[in-house]
């Protein structure tokens, strides 16, 4: 048993080392829209602010934490009968990984244009560009610091880490197709959204070593989600599929929400209704994710928990990660309201 635990721990640490070179991810990707696809910038047609927080692997190691914040809105001043509209957004995240406190930061400006195909459909395209930054706060411990009798933290590591902190320029872009049934009396209508995005077009250098050329791999993000209204009832089923591919890493998230709608009151174009939802998703070879969502007056609050189902479950006791988000959506004019939601 002891030998098995040691092997599992080694595999875990090796996996985490590989993960340093991969993008962040959330278990509630539909509520971190600017991280999911740049074309979702301004997708709601008004103003939207989102804050996300995730903590994972606290049961087996120093917790890995990810914080993100974004703001996006439609540009004001467009004519009322336009065939499309322009939107912009700003997204930031900070990721802290492991005992060595490997920090990754990103700040990007997003721009998107949304074209109405008809009263129920639209096509959106967006780009994101900005700065990324990596910071190695602790250079770790090495075999050269063991004297043969004891560990000396002041002994030289003999490791030439030339870039413990560096910045780089990063780009990406995507497209999204959206459909929503044209019924302005209801907050939740039958709808579907499909999107494809490609991140890190320029493949920036991502290495802490001066002599190494570790290019950041491009990431492909594909998603499809929707809303199925159960007739005239105040219930919806909201399925979703999310796929991410980066180098040898693959993430496939599938599941759905069941939502009960308390009311669907509108004041102008602002949604003043309220609802509650529970969700269950599965991430391939990794976790089963339980979700809870409460929405009222354009504010959404969500909580999810990852129950680990991978080979690390024996060490983690099935405990994976906790995630929280807070989102505020303001559709401030009937002329700016988009009928397709994300």
Foldseek 3Di string as FASTA:
>chain_A
DVVVVVVLVVVVVVVLVVCVLPDDDDLPCQQVPCVQFLQCAAVQLAKKKKKKKKWWPVLFFPIKIKIKIKIKGWDPDDDLPDQKTKMKMWMKMWIFDGPQRKIKIWIKIKIKMWGHPDQFKIKMKMKIKGKMKIARNHPDDAPQQQPVPGGHPPDDRPDCQPARMDMDIWMKMKMKMKGFDPDLQAPATWIKMKMKMKIRPVQQADGRHPPDRRTRFIKIKIKMKTWADPPPAQKIKIWMWIWMDTVPDIKIKTWIKIKGWPDADDDANWTQTWIKIWMWMDIPQFWIKIKIWIDGRQKIKMKMFTQTDHPCCVSSVRGTMIMIMIMGDGNPHNSRGDNGDD
